[in-house]
Amino acid sequence: MQALKIRKVGNSLGLVLPKEVLARLKVGEGDTVYLTEAPDGCRITPMDAAFAAQMAAAEAIMREDRDVLRELAAR
């Protein structure tokens, strides 16, 4: 566990993540991370698991119904 200080960033407050944490998350400046609530606190992840699951489902539907979608697009 690492202790992080909350710092003023412009008119907001922010956390500075150590280099080692950024390396483990495989993120850098400009990347988006997600803060989700968990039973034991909060979790920072480099991706939104719920969104990733929704996209996987959408891609599966698009693959299965490719002909129907193509026909609808032509109308």
PDB file of N, CA and C in Angstrom:
ATOM      1  N   MET A   1       0.842  -1.172   0.000  1.00  0.00           N
ATOM      2  CA  MET A   1       0.000   0.000   0.000  1.00  0.00           C
ATOM      3  C   MET A   1       0.887   1.234   0.000  1.00  0.00           C
ATOM      4  N   GLN A   2       0.497   2.216  -0.793  1.00  0.00           N
ATOM      5  CA  GLN A   2       1.236   3.467  -0.846  1.00  0.00           C
ATOM      6  C   GLN A   2       0.327   4.605  -0.404  1.00  0.00           C
ATOM      7  N   ALA A   3       0.868   5.527   0.351  1.00  0.00           N
ATOM      8  CA  ALA A   3       0.123   6.717   0.763  1.00  0.00           C
ATOM      9  C   ALA A   3       0.335   7.801  -0.288  1.00  0.00           C
ATOM     10  N   LEU A   4      -0.751   8.413  -0.735  1.00  0.00           N
ATOM     11  CA  LEU A   4      -0.690   9.485  -1.719  1.00  0.00           C
ATOM     12  C   LEU A   4      -1.277  10.741  -1.110  1.00  0.00           C
ATOM     13  N   LYS A   5      -0.680  11.879  -1.411  1.00  0.00           N
ATOM     14  CA  LYS A   5      -1.194  13.156  -0.928  1.00  0.00           C
ATOM     15  C   LYS A   5      -2.095  13.776  -1.978  1.00  0.00           C
ATOM     16  N   ILE A   6      -3.179  14.358  -1.522  1.00  0.00           N
ATOM     17  CA  ILE A   6      -4.062  15.100  -2.414  1.00  0.00           C
ATOM     18  C   ILE A   6      -3.473  16.496  -2.557  1.00  0.00           C
ATOM     19  N   ARG A   7      -3.316  16.926  -3.818  1.00  0.00           N
ATOM     20  CA  ARG A   7      -2.677  18.213  -4.101  1.00  0.00           C
ATOM     21  C   ARG A   7      -3.598  19.093  -4.920  1.00  0.00           C
ATOM     22  N   LYS A   8      -3.373  20.372  -4.825  1.00  0.00           N
ATOM     23  CA  LYS A   8      -4.129  21.332  -5.623  1.00  0.00           C
ATOM     24  C   LYS A   8      -3.568  21.329  -7.050  1.00  0.00           C
ATOM     25  N   VAL A   9      -4.470  21.198  -8.031  1.00  0.00           N
ATOM     26  CA  VAL A   9      -4.110  21.235  -9.445  1.00  0.00           C
ATOM     27  C   VAL A   9      -5.048  22.248 -10.087  1.00  0.00           C
ATOM     28  N   GLY A  10      -4.577  23.461 -10.280  1.00  0.00           N
ATOM     29  CA  GLY A  10      -5.445  24.523 -10.785  1.00  0.00           C
ATOM     30  C   GLY A  10      -6.522  24.821  -9.758  1.00  0.00           C
ATOM     31  N   ASN A  11      -7.776  24.755 -10.176  1.00  0.00           N
ATOM     32  CA  ASN A  11      -8.893  24.971  -9.259  1.00  0.00           C
ATOM     33  C   ASN A  11      -9.429  23.661  -8.691  1.00  0.00           C
ATOM     34  N   SER A  12      -8.770  22.546  -9.007  1.00  0.00           N
ATOM     35  CA  SER A  12      -9.226  21.228  -8.582  1.00  0.00           C
ATOM     36  C   SER A  12      -8.238  20.611  -7.612  1.00  0.00           C
ATOM     37  N   LEU A  13      -8.529  19.392  -7.213  1.00  0.00           N
ATOM     38  CA  LEU A  13      -7.614  18.606  -6.397  1.00  0.00           C
ATOM     39  C   LEU A  13      -7.277  17.347  -7.175  1.00  0.00           C
ATOM     40  N   GLY A  14      -6.084  16.808  -6.963  1.00  0.00           N
ATOM     41  CA  GLY A  14      -5.686  15.620  -7.695  1.00  0.00           C
ATOM     42  C   GLY A  14      -4.684  14.783  -6.936  1.00  0.00           C
ATOM     43  N   LEU A  15      -4.456  13.596  -7.457  1.00  0.00           N
ATOM     44  CA  LEU A  15      -3.449  12.681  -6.928  1.00  0.00           C
ATOM     45  C   LEU A  15      -2.356  12.521  -7.965  1.00  0.00           C
ATOM     46  N   VAL A  16      -1.137  12.434  -7.518  1.00  0.00           N
ATOM     47  CA  VAL A  16      -0.020  12.147  -8.411  1.00  0.00           C
ATOM     48  C   VAL A  16       0.323  10.680  -8.202  1.00  0.00           C
ATOM     49  N   LEU A  17       0.221   9.899  -9.278  1.00  0.00           N
ATOM     50  CA  LEU A  17       0.534   8.474  -9.184  1.00  0.00           C
ATOM     51  C   LEU A  17       2.021   8.261  -9.427  1.00  0.00           C
ATOM     52  N   PRO A  18       2.658   7.458  -8.583  1.00  0.00           N
ATOM     53  CA  PRO A  18       4.085   7.178  -8.765  1.00  0.00           C
ATOM     54  C   PRO A  18       4.358   6.453 -10.096  1.00  0.00           C
ATOM     55  N   LYS A  19       5.570   6.606 -10.582  1.00  0.00           N
ATOM     56  CA  LYS A  19       5.993   5.999 -11.841  1.00  0.00           C
ATOM     57  C   LYS A  19       5.744   4.489 -11.866  1.00  0.00           C
ATOM     58  N   GLU A  20       5.990   3.830 -10.739  1.00  0.00           N
ATOM     59  CA  GLU A  20       5.823   2.376 -10.666  1.00  0.00           C
ATOM     60  C   GLU A  20       4.357   1.973 -10.854  1.00  0.00           C
ATOM     61  N   VAL A  21       3.444   2.775 -10.302  1.00  0.00           N
ATOM     62  CA  VAL A  21       2.014   2.486 -10.440  1.00  0.00           C
ATOM     63  C   VAL A  21       1.591   2.676 -11.892  1.00  0.00           C
ATOM     64  N   LEU A  22       2.052   3.745 -12.520  1.00  0.00           N
ATOM     65  CA  LEU A  22       1.737   3.990 -13.926  1.00  0.00           C
ATOM     66  C   LEU A  22       2.254   2.855 -14.802  1.00  0.00           C
ATOM     67  N   ALA A  23       3.439   2.354 -14.482  1.00  0.00           N
ATOM     68  CA  ALA A  23       4.012   1.246 -15.257  1.00  0.00           C
ATOM     69  C   ALA A  23       3.161  -0.017 -15.092  1.00  0.00           C
ATOM     70  N   ARG A  24       2.703  -0.299 -13.866  1.00  0.00           N
ATOM     71  CA  ARG A  24       1.862  -1.487 -13.640  1.00  0.00           C
ATOM     72  C   ARG A  24       0.525  -1.366 -14.353  1.00  0.00           C
ATOM     73  N   LEU A  25      -0.026  -0.162 -14.392  1.00  0.00           N
ATOM     74  CA  LEU A  25      -1.293   0.059 -15.091  1.00  0.00           C
ATOM     75  C   LEU A  25      -1.100   0.148 -16.603  1.00  0.00           C
ATOM     76  N   LYS A  26       0.140   0.319 -17.034  1.00  0.00           N
ATOM     77  CA  LYS A  26       0.480   0.504 -18.451  1.00  0.00           C
ATOM     78  C   LYS A  26      -0.239   1.720 -19.024  1.00  0.00           C
ATOM     79  N   VAL A  27      -0.173   2.841 -18.288  1.00  0.00           N
ATOM     80  CA  VAL A  27      -0.769   4.097 -18.738  1.00  0.00           C
ATOM     81  C   VAL A  27       0.259   5.208 -18.636  1.00  0.00           C
ATOM     82  N   GLY A  28      -0.002   6.275 -19.345  1.00  0.00           N
ATOM     83  CA  GLY A  28       0.888   7.426 -19.313  1.00  0.00           C
ATOM     84  C   GLY A  28       0.088   8.702 -19.481  1.00  0.00           C
ATOM     85  N   GLU A  29       0.775   9.792 -19.655  1.00  0.00           N
ATOM     86  CA  GLU A  29       0.138  11.096 -19.785  1.00  0.00           C
ATOM     87  C   GLU A  29      -0.871  11.083 -20.928  1.00  0.00           C
ATOM     88  N   GLY A  30      -2.060  11.583 -20.657  1.00  0.00           N
ATOM     89  CA  GLY A  30      -3.107  11.657 -21.668  1.00  0.00           C
ATOM     90  C   GLY A  30      -4.013  10.444 -21.723  1.00  0.00           C
ATOM     91  N   ASP A  31      -3.629   9.329 -21.110  1.00  0.00           N
ATOM     92  CA  ASP A  31      -4.476   8.140 -21.087  1.00  0.00           C
ATOM     93  C   ASP A  31      -5.625   8.332 -20.098  1.00  0.00           C
ATOM     94  N   THR A  32      -6.671   7.569 -20.271  1.00  0.00           N
ATOM     95  CA  THR A  32      -7.823   7.614 -19.380  1.00  0.00           C
ATOM     96  C   THR A  32      -7.772   6.421 -18.442  1.00  0.00           C
ATOM     97  N   VAL A  33      -8.028   6.670 -17.171  1.00  0.00           N
ATOM     98  CA  VAL A  33      -8.179   5.587 -16.198  1.00  0.00           C
ATOM     99  C   VAL A  33      -9.564   5.717 -15.579  1.00  0.00           C
ATOM    100  N   TYR A  34     -10.057   4.646 -14.992  1.00  0.00           N
ATOM    101  CA  TYR A  34     -11.399   4.613 -14.434  1.00  0.00           C
ATOM    102  C   TYR A  34     -11.332   4.323 -12.941  1.00  0.00           C
ATOM    103  N   LEU A  35     -12.107   5.074 -12.190  1.00  0.00           N
ATOM    104  CA  LEU A  35     -12.217   4.895 -10.752  1.00  0.00           C
ATOM    105  C   LEU A  35     -13.568   4.249 -10.491  1.00  0.00           C
ATOM    106  N   THR A  36     -13.557   3.036  -9.942  1.00  0.00           N
ATOM    107  CA  THR A  36     -14.794   2.331  -9.646  1.00  0.00           C
ATOM    108  C   THR A  36     -14.841   1.998  -8.167  1.00  0.00           C
ATOM    109  N   GLU A  37     -16.049   2.015  -7.639  1.00  0.00           N
ATOM    110  CA  GLU A  37     -16.217   1.653  -6.236  1.00  0.00           C
ATOM    111  C   GLU A  37     -16.236   0.140  -6.116  1.00  0.00           C
ATOM    112  N   ALA A  38     -15.578  -0.359  -5.090  1.00  0.00           N
ATOM    113  CA  ALA A  38     -15.519  -1.783  -4.809  1.00  0.00           C
ATOM    114  C   ALA A  38     -15.949  -1.986  -3.356  1.00  0.00           C
ATOM    115  N   PRO A  39     -16.312  -3.196  -2.986  1.00  0.00           N
ATOM    116  CA  PRO A  39     -16.731  -3.436  -1.603  1.00  0.00           C
ATOM    117  C   PRO A  39     -15.680  -3.019  -0.573  1.00  0.00           C
ATOM    118  N   ASP A  40     -14.426  -3.123  -0.943  1.00  0.00           N
ATOM    119  CA  ASP A  40     -13.342  -2.805  -0.009  1.00  0.00           C
ATOM    120  C   ASP A  40     -12.755  -1.406  -0.213  1.00  0.00           C
ATOM    121  N   GLY A  41     -13.379  -0.566  -1.039  1.00  0.00           N
ATOM    122  CA  GLY A  41     -12.867   0.792  -1.270  1.00  0.00           C
ATOM    123  C   GLY A  41     -13.068   1.196  -2.708  1.00  0.00           C
ATOM    124  N   CYS A  42     -12.049   1.798  -3.305  1.00  0.00           N
ATOM    125  CA  CYS A  42     -12.096   2.216  -4.708  1.00  0.00           C
ATOM    126  C   CYS A  42     -10.974   1.537  -5.476  1.00  0.00           C
ATOM    127  N   ARG A  43     -11.196   1.412  -6.780  1.00  0.00           N
ATOM    128  CA  ARG A  43     -10.222   0.737  -7.628  1.00  0.00           C
ATOM    129  C   ARG A  43      -9.945   1.625  -8.839  1.00  0.00           C
ATOM    130  N   ILE A  44      -8.675   1.754  -9.208  1.00  0.00           N
ATOM    131  CA  ILE A  44      -8.275   2.487 -10.418  1.00  0.00           C
ATOM    132  C   ILE A  44      -7.839   1.451 -11.447  1.00  0.00           C
ATOM    133  N   THR A  45      -8.462   1.499 -12.628  1.00  0.00           N
ATOM    134  CA  THR A  45      -8.111   0.555 -13.684  1.00  0.00           C
ATOM    135  C   THR A  45      -7.894   1.309 -14.995  1.00  0.00           C
ATOM    136  N   PRO A  46      -7.106   0.746 -15.899  1.00  0.00           N
ATOM    137  CA  PRO A  46      -6.859   1.412 -17.176  1.00  0.00           C
ATOM    138  C   PRO A  46      -8.019   1.245 -18.157  1.00  0.00           C
ATOM    139  N   MET A  47      -9.033   0.460 -17.783  1.00  0.00           N
ATOM    140  CA  MET A  47     -10.176   0.274 -18.669  1.00  0.00           C
ATOM    141  C   MET A  47     -11.434   0.111 -17.841  1.00  0.00           C
ATOM    142  N   ASP A  48     -12.565   0.374 -18.460  1.00  0.00           N
ATOM    143  CA  ASP A  48     -13.859   0.214 -17.815  1.00  0.00           C
ATOM    144  C   ASP A  48     -14.357  -1.183 -18.163  1.00  0.00           C
ATOM    145  N   ALA A  49     -14.365  -2.086 -17.194  1.00  0.00           N
ATOM    146  CA  ALA A  49     -14.718  -3.485 -17.439  1.00  0.00           C
ATOM    147  C   ALA A  49     -16.143  -3.625 -17.967  1.00  0.00           C
ATOM    148  N   ALA A  50     -17.065  -2.844 -17.440  1.00  0.00           N
ATOM    149  CA  ALA A  50     -18.456  -2.929 -17.897  1.00  0.00           C
ATOM    150  C   ALA A  50     -18.562  -2.498 -19.358  1.00  0.00           C
ATOM    151  N   PHE A  51     -17.872  -1.408 -19.713  1.00  0.00           N
ATOM    152  CA  PHE A  51     -17.897  -0.939 -21.100  1.00  0.00           C
ATOM    153  C   PHE A  51     -17.240  -1.959 -22.020  1.00  0.00           C
ATOM    154  N   ALA A  52     -16.141  -2.552 -21.588  1.00  0.00           N
ATOM    155  CA  ALA A  52     -15.459  -3.562 -22.406  1.00  0.00           C
ATOM    156  C   ALA A  52     -16.369  -4.759 -22.655  1.00  0.00           C
ATOM    157  N   ALA A  53     -17.135  -5.168 -21.645  1.00  0.00           N
ATOM    158  CA  ALA A  53     -18.061  -6.285 -21.809  1.00  0.00           C
ATOM    159  C   ALA A  53     -19.174  -5.921 -22.787  1.00  0.00           C
ATOM    160  N   GLN A  54     -19.686  -4.696 -22.700  1.00  0.00           N
ATOM    161  CA  GLN A  54     -20.729  -4.250 -23.624  1.00  0.00           C
ATOM    162  C   GLN A  54     -20.211  -4.211 -25.052  1.00  0.00           C
ATOM    163  N   MET A  55     -18.984  -3.739 -25.229  1.00  0.00           N
ATOM    164  CA  MET A  55     -18.404  -3.678 -26.580  1.00  0.00           C
ATOM    165  C   MET A  55     -18.185  -5.077 -27.138  1.00  0.00           C
ATOM    166  N   ALA A  56     -17.753  -6.014 -26.301  1.00  0.00           N
ATOM    167  CA  ALA A  56     -17.554  -7.390 -26.758  1.00  0.00           C
ATOM    168  C   ALA A  56     -18.884  -7.987 -27.202  1.00  0.00           C
ATOM    169  N   ALA A  57     -19.952  -7.717 -26.449  1.00  0.00           N
ATOM    170  CA  ALA A  57     -21.274  -8.219 -26.828  1.00  0.00           C
ATOM    171  C   ALA A  57     -21.725  -7.589 -28.146  1.00  0.00           C
ATOM    172  N   ALA A  58     -21.508  -6.277 -28.299  1.00  0.00           N
ATOM    173  CA  ALA A  58     -21.897  -5.593 -29.536  1.00  0.00           C
ATOM    174  C   ALA A  58     -21.126  -6.138 -30.734  1.00  0.00           C
ATOM    175  N   GLU A  59     -19.841  -6.393 -30.560  1.00  0.00           N
ATOM    176  CA  GLU A  59     -19.037  -6.940 -31.660  1.00  0.00           C
ATOM    177  C   GLU A  59     -19.508  -8.334 -32.043  1.00  0.00           C
ATOM    178  N   ALA A  60     -19.902  -9.131 -31.051  1.00  0.00           N
ATOM    179  CA  ALA A  60     -20.404 -10.479 -31.336  1.00  0.00           C
ATOM    180  C   ALA A  60     -21.701 -10.403 -32.140  1.00  0.00           C
ATOM    181  N   ILE A  61     -22.591  -9.496 -31.743  1.00  0.00           N
ATOM    182  CA  ILE A  61     -23.859  -9.331 -32.463  1.00  0.00           C
ATOM    183  C   ILE A  61     -23.590  -8.857 -33.893  1.00  0.00           C
ATOM    184  N   MET A  62     -22.664  -7.905 -34.042  1.00  0.00           N
ATOM    185  CA  MET A  62     -22.358  -7.394 -35.385  1.00  0.00           C
ATOM    186  C   MET A  62     -21.773  -8.489 -36.268  1.00  0.00           C
ATOM    187  N   ARG A  63     -20.971  -9.377 -35.685  1.00  0.00           N
ATOM    188  CA  ARG A  63     -20.412 -10.487 -36.470  1.00  0.00           C
ATOM    189  C   ARG A  63     -21.506 -11.462 -36.881  1.00  0.00           C
ATOM    190  N   GLU A  64     -22.373 -11.815 -35.922  1.00  0.00           N
ATOM    191  CA  GLU A  64     -23.425 -12.802 -36.191  1.00  0.00           C
ATOM    192  C   GLU A  64     -24.452 -12.274 -37.185  1.00  0.00           C
ATOM    193  N   ASP A  65     -24.831 -11.018 -37.062  1.00  0.00           N
ATOM    194  CA  ASP A  65     -25.899 -10.449 -37.877  1.00  0.00           C
ATOM    195  C   ASP A  65     -25.373  -9.482 -38.933  1.00  0.00           C
ATOM    196  N   ARG A  66     -24.193  -9.748 -39.436  1.00  0.00           N
ATOM    197  CA  ARG A  66     -23.560  -8.862 -40.409  1.00  0.00           C
ATOM    198  C   ARG A  66     -24.440  -8.628 -41.635  1.00  0.00           C
ATOM    199  N   ASP A  67     -25.063  -9.687 -42.156  1.00  0.00           N
ATOM    200  CA  ASP A  67     -25.894  -9.546 -43.355  1.00  0.00           C
ATOM    201  C   ASP A  67     -27.126  -8.682 -43.093  1.00  0.00           C
ATOM    202  N   VAL A  68     -27.755  -8.879 -41.939  1.00  0.00           N
ATOM    203  CA  VAL A  68     -28.941  -8.091 -41.591  1.00  0.00           C
ATOM    204  C   VAL A  68     -28.557  -6.621 -41.438  1.00  0.00           C
ATOM    205  N   LEU A  69     -27.471  -6.355 -40.764  1.00  0.00           N
ATOM    206  CA  LEU A  69     -27.027  -4.976 -40.560  1.00  0.00           C
ATOM    207  C   LEU A  69     -26.660  -4.310 -41.883  1.00  0.00           C
ATOM    208  N   ARG A  70     -26.040  -5.075 -42.781  1.00  0.00           N
ATOM    209  CA  ARG A  70     -25.684  -4.527 -44.090  1.00  0.00           C
ATOM    210  C   ARG A  70     -26.941  -4.174 -44.881  1.00  0.00           C
ATOM    211  N   GLU A  71     -27.953  -5.039 -44.796  1.00  0.00           N
ATOM    212  CA  GLU A  71     -29.215  -4.789 -45.487  1.00  0.00           C
ATOM    213  C   GLU A  71     -29.912  -3.540 -44.925  1.00  0.00           C
ATOM    214  N   LEU A  72     -29.914  -3.398 -43.608  1.00  0.00           N
ATOM    215  CA  LEU A  72     -30.513  -2.214 -42.993  1.00  0.00           C
ATOM    216  C   LEU A  72     -29.779  -0.941 -43.376  1.00  0.00           C
ATOM    217  N   ALA A  73     -28.470  -0.999 -43.476  1.00  0.00           N
ATOM    218  CA  ALA A  73     -27.678   0.162 -43.839  1.00  0.00           C
ATOM    219  C   ALA A  73     -27.952   0.581 -45.285  1.00  0.00           C
ATOM    220  N   ALA A  74     -28.305  -0.356 -46.135  1.00  0.00           N
ATOM    221  CA  ALA A  74     -28.548  -0.061 -47.543  1.00  0.00           C
ATOM    222  C   ALA A  74     -29.894   0.639 -47.748  1.00  0.00           C
ATOM    223  N   ARG A  75     -30.778   0.544 -46.774  1.00  0.00           N
ATOM    224  CA  ARG A  75     -32.116   1.151 -46.934  1.00  0.00           C
ATOM    225  C   ARG A  75     -32.120   2.616 -46.686  1.00  0.00           C
TER     226      ARG A  75
END
